[in-house]
Protein backbone atom coordinates (compact mmCIF):
# COMPACT_ATOMS: atom_id res chain seq x y z
CA UNK A 1 -17.88 -0.78 -6.05
CA UNK A 2 -15.73 -4.36 -5.01
CA UNK A 3 -12.62 -2.96 -6.90
CA UNK A 4 -12.78 -0.03 -5.20
CA UNK A 5 -12.33 -1.27 -0.95
CA UNK A 6 -9.50 -3.55 -2.34
CA UNK A 7 -7.83 -0.78 -3.87
CA UNK A 8 -8.46 1.67 -0.92
CA UNK A 9 -6.20 -1.57 1.04
CA UNK A 10 -3.49 -1.60 -1.63
CA UNK A 11 -3.24 2.16 -1.21
CA UNK A 12 -3.03 1.49 2.90
CA UNK A 13 0.11 -0.76 1.66
CA UNK A 14 1.76 1.78 -0.11
CA UNK A 15 1.28 4.65 2.37
CA UNK A 16 2.30 2.38 4.64
CA UNK A 17 5.66 1.43 2.54
CA UNK A 18 6.31 4.82 1.90
CA UNK A 19 6.17 5.53 5.51
CA UNK A 20 8.35 3.09 6.35
CA UNK A 21 11.24 4.81 3.61
CA UNK A 22 10.77 7.98 4.92
CA UNK A 23 11.07 6.97 8.51
CA UNK A 24 7.43 7.84 9.31
CA UNK A 25 6.80 4.64 11.55
CA UNK A 26 6.76 4.15 15.72
CA UNK A 27 10.30 3.25 16.25
CA UNK A 28 11.70 6.33 13.91
CA UNK A 29 9.88 9.77 14.34
CA UNK A 30 6.71 8.80 15.45
CA UNK A 31 5.07 6.12 17.61
CA UNK A 32 1.62 6.68 16.49
CA UNK A 33 0.67 6.10 12.26
CA UNK A 34 -2.76 6.07 12.41
CA UNK A 35 -3.13 8.98 9.80
CA UNK A 36 -2.31 6.78 7.63
CA UNK A 37 -5.60 4.60 8.02
CA UNK A 38 -8.13 8.01 8.89
CA UNK A 39 -6.47 9.33 5.45
CA UNK A 40 -7.90 5.87 3.69
CA UNK A 41 -11.40 6.29 5.68
CA UNK A 42 -10.33 3.30 7.72
CA UNK A 43 -10.62 3.98 11.68
CA UNK A 44 -7.61 3.41 13.77
CA UNK A 45 -8.12 0.50 16.32
CA UNK A 46 -9.98 1.62 19.14
CA UNK A 47 -7.85 -1.08 21.96
CA UNK A 48 -4.43 -0.13 22.86
CA UNK A 49 -2.04 -1.07 19.85
CA UNK A 50 2.06 -2.32 19.90
CA UNK A 51 2.21 0.13 16.56
CA UNK A 52 6.04 -1.16 16.38
CA UNK A 53 4.29 -4.50 14.91
CA UNK A 54 2.75 -2.76 12.30
CA UNK A 55 6.68 -1.09 11.05
CA UNK A 56 7.37 -4.67 10.17
CA UNK A 57 4.08 -5.67 8.54
CA UNK A 58 5.08 -2.04 6.30
CA UNK A 59 8.34 -3.66 5.96
CA UNK A 60 7.14 -7.02 4.38
CA UNK A 61 4.62 -4.80 2.12
CA UNK A 62 7.19 -2.74 0.91
CA UNK A 63 9.34 -5.64 -0.40
CA UNK A 64 6.47 -7.15 -1.96
CA UNK A 65 4.79 -3.68 -3.75
CA UNK A 66 8.15 -3.27 -5.05
CA UNK A 67 8.07 -6.60 -6.79
CA UNK A 68 4.88 -5.51 -7.63
CA UNK A 69 5.84 -2.36 -9.41
CA UNK A 70 9.01 -3.78 -11.28
CA UNK A 71 6.78 -6.09 -12.93
CA UNK A 72 8.31 -9.51 -11.31
CA UNK A 73 4.10 -11.25 -10.49
CA UNK A 74 5.41 -14.70 -10.71
CA UNK A 75 7.58 -13.86 -7.76
CA UNK A 76 5.26 -11.21 -6.02
CA UNK A 77 2.12 -13.79 -6.36
CA UNK A 78 3.85 -16.35 -5.23
CA UNK A 79 4.94 -14.30 -2.07
CA UNK A 80 1.72 -13.62 -1.77
CA UNK A 81 0.09 -17.06 -1.52
CA UNK A 82 2.61 -17.70 1.04
CA UNK A 83 1.48 -14.80 3.30
CA UNK A 84 -2.07 -15.87 2.38
CA UNK A 85 -0.74 -19.39 3.47
CA UNK A 86 0.62 -18.70 6.74
CA UNK A 87 -2.13 -16.33 7.97
CA UNK A 88 -5.53 -17.33 8.56
CA UNK A 89 -8.20 -15.70 6.03
CA UNK A 90 -11.13 -15.88 8.07
CA UNK A 91 -13.28 -12.84 6.58
CA UNK A 92 -15.92 -11.76 8.77
CA UNK A 93 -18.57 -8.74 8.52
CA UNK A 94 -18.81 -6.29 11.28
CA UNK A 95 -21.54 -3.29 12.20
CA UNK A 96 -19.22 -0.13 12.46
CA UNK A 97 -21.84 2.91 13.41
CA UNK A 98 -24.32 2.76 10.16
CA UNK A 99 -22.15 0.50 7.29
CA UNK A 100 -20.91 -2.77 7.74
CA UNK A 101 -17.04 -3.47 7.20
CA UNK A 102 -15.33 -6.48 5.56
CA UNK A 103 -12.97 -7.84 7.66
CA UNK A 104 -10.19 -10.38 6.24
CA UNK A 105 -9.07 -12.05 9.59
CA UNK A 106 -10.56 -13.21 12.65
CA UNK A 107 -11.72 -10.65 15.50
CA UNK A 108 -9.59 -11.16 18.11
CA UNK A 109 -6.31 -10.80 15.89
CA UNK A 110 -3.55 -8.12 16.85
CA UNK A 111 -4.47 -5.23 14.74
CA UNK A 112 -1.16 -5.13 12.62
CA UNK A 113 -1.36 -9.07 12.12
CA UNK A 114 -5.16 -8.01 10.87
CA UNK A 115 -3.72 -5.42 8.15
CA UNK A 116 -0.76 -7.75 7.15
CA UNK A 117 -3.65 -10.51 6.03
CA UNK A 118 -5.85 -7.79 4.68
CA UNK A 119 -3.45 -6.45 2.50
CA UNK A 120 -2.15 -10.22 1.21
CA UNK A 121 -5.91 -11.06 0.56
CA UNK A 122 -6.72 -7.75 -1.46
CA UNK A 123 -3.16 -8.41 -3.19
CA UNK A 124 -4.77 -11.70 -4.18
CA UNK A 125 -7.55 -9.84 -5.29
CA UNK A 126 -5.87 -7.61 -6.69
CA UNK A 127 -4.07 -10.13 -9.28
CA UNK A 128 -7.32 -11.68 -9.82
CA UNK A 129 -9.30 -8.73 -10.93
CA UNK A 130 -6.61 -7.25 -13.10
CA UNK A 131 -5.53 -4.65 -10.64
CA UNK A 132 -2.33 -5.39 -9.39
CA UNK A 133 -0.75 -3.56 -12.25
CA UNK A 134 -1.74 -0.38 -10.45
CA UNK A 135 0.83 0.00 -8.44
CA UNK A 136 4.06 1.33 -9.66
CA UNK A 137 7.30 2.98 -8.48
CA UNK A 138 8.23 6.89 -9.15
CA UNK A 139 9.85 7.24 -12.31
CA UNK A 140 11.56 10.86 -11.28
CA UNK A 141 15.60 10.58 -10.89
CA UNK A 142 16.42 10.15 -7.15
CA UNK A 143 12.94 9.41 -5.99
CA UNK A 144 11.88 5.63 -5.50
CA UNK A 145 8.58 6.08 -3.38
CA UNK A 146 5.73 3.69 -4.63
CA UNK A 147 2.16 4.65 -5.69
CA UNK A 148 -1.23 3.23 -7.03
CA UNK A 149 -2.32 4.91 -10.28
CA UNK A 150 -6.20 5.03 -9.86
CA UNK A 151 -6.69 6.43 -12.98
CA UNK A 152 -8.62 5.06 -16.06
CA UNK A 153 -5.73 4.97 -18.68
CA UNK A 154 -3.07 3.65 -16.13
CA UNK A 155 -0.57 5.43 -17.69
CA UNK A 156 0.89 6.83 -14.38
CA UNK A 157 4.59 7.98 -13.58
CA UNK A 158 5.26 10.03 -10.95
CA UNK A 159 4.31 9.39 -6.84
CA UNK A 160 3.30 13.05 -6.91
CA UNK A 161 2.83 16.27 -8.75
CA UNK A 162 5.92 17.83 -7.21
CA UNK A 163 7.91 14.58 -8.84
CA UNK A 164 6.41 15.25 -12.25
CA UNK A 165 6.85 18.74 -12.15
CA UNK A 166 10.67 18.41 -11.07
CA UNK A 167 11.31 15.67 -13.92
CA UNK A 168 9.51 17.52 -16.67
CA UNK A 169 11.39 20.85 -16.12
CA UNK A 170 14.84 18.80 -15.14
CA UNK A 171 14.45 17.12 -19.62
CA UNK A 172 12.78 20.50 -20.79
CA UNK A 173 16.09 22.17 -19.31
CA UNK A 174 18.24 19.03 -20.66
CA UNK A 175 16.93 20.08 -24.63
CA UNK A 176 17.70 23.79 -23.41
CA UNK A 177 21.14 22.95 -22.86
CA UNK A 178 21.80 21.00 -26.48
CA UNK A 179 20.73 23.93 -28.00
């Protein structure tokens, strides 16, 4: 399904933003965040990569996704359009093992710049397919993590089961103390 690939790319953006907020990107505690891409079925680059450039991409993506999660769609779309204008969106298809992979950047673009372009294009497509509202910010007290809601009813409130359980336990204790 076409939208699932777009959502997979947005999910990478969400994970990059959360990893940046938790100090898990180059220049902080690790030097090679290829696990983010591998977790979503994307291959990390075969050639040497300056992973620190990805930290800058994650910063921009985090700001943009926070606008989307807050419902500031006009501002977010304006920023997406600026990103698309600033970058050369050049789709091409490449053979990879036994499958074909769609890239949204020229073949010779640096890994981080390619992902910045791909994430901007994925957000643009998610707006045009009404999937942008699937990006949310955790409702748990003290948590500001982003998440991508892939559920059918699109009513997810928490980034993880842990945050959901903590919030429900806090609510239960509060109601019980009022009795």
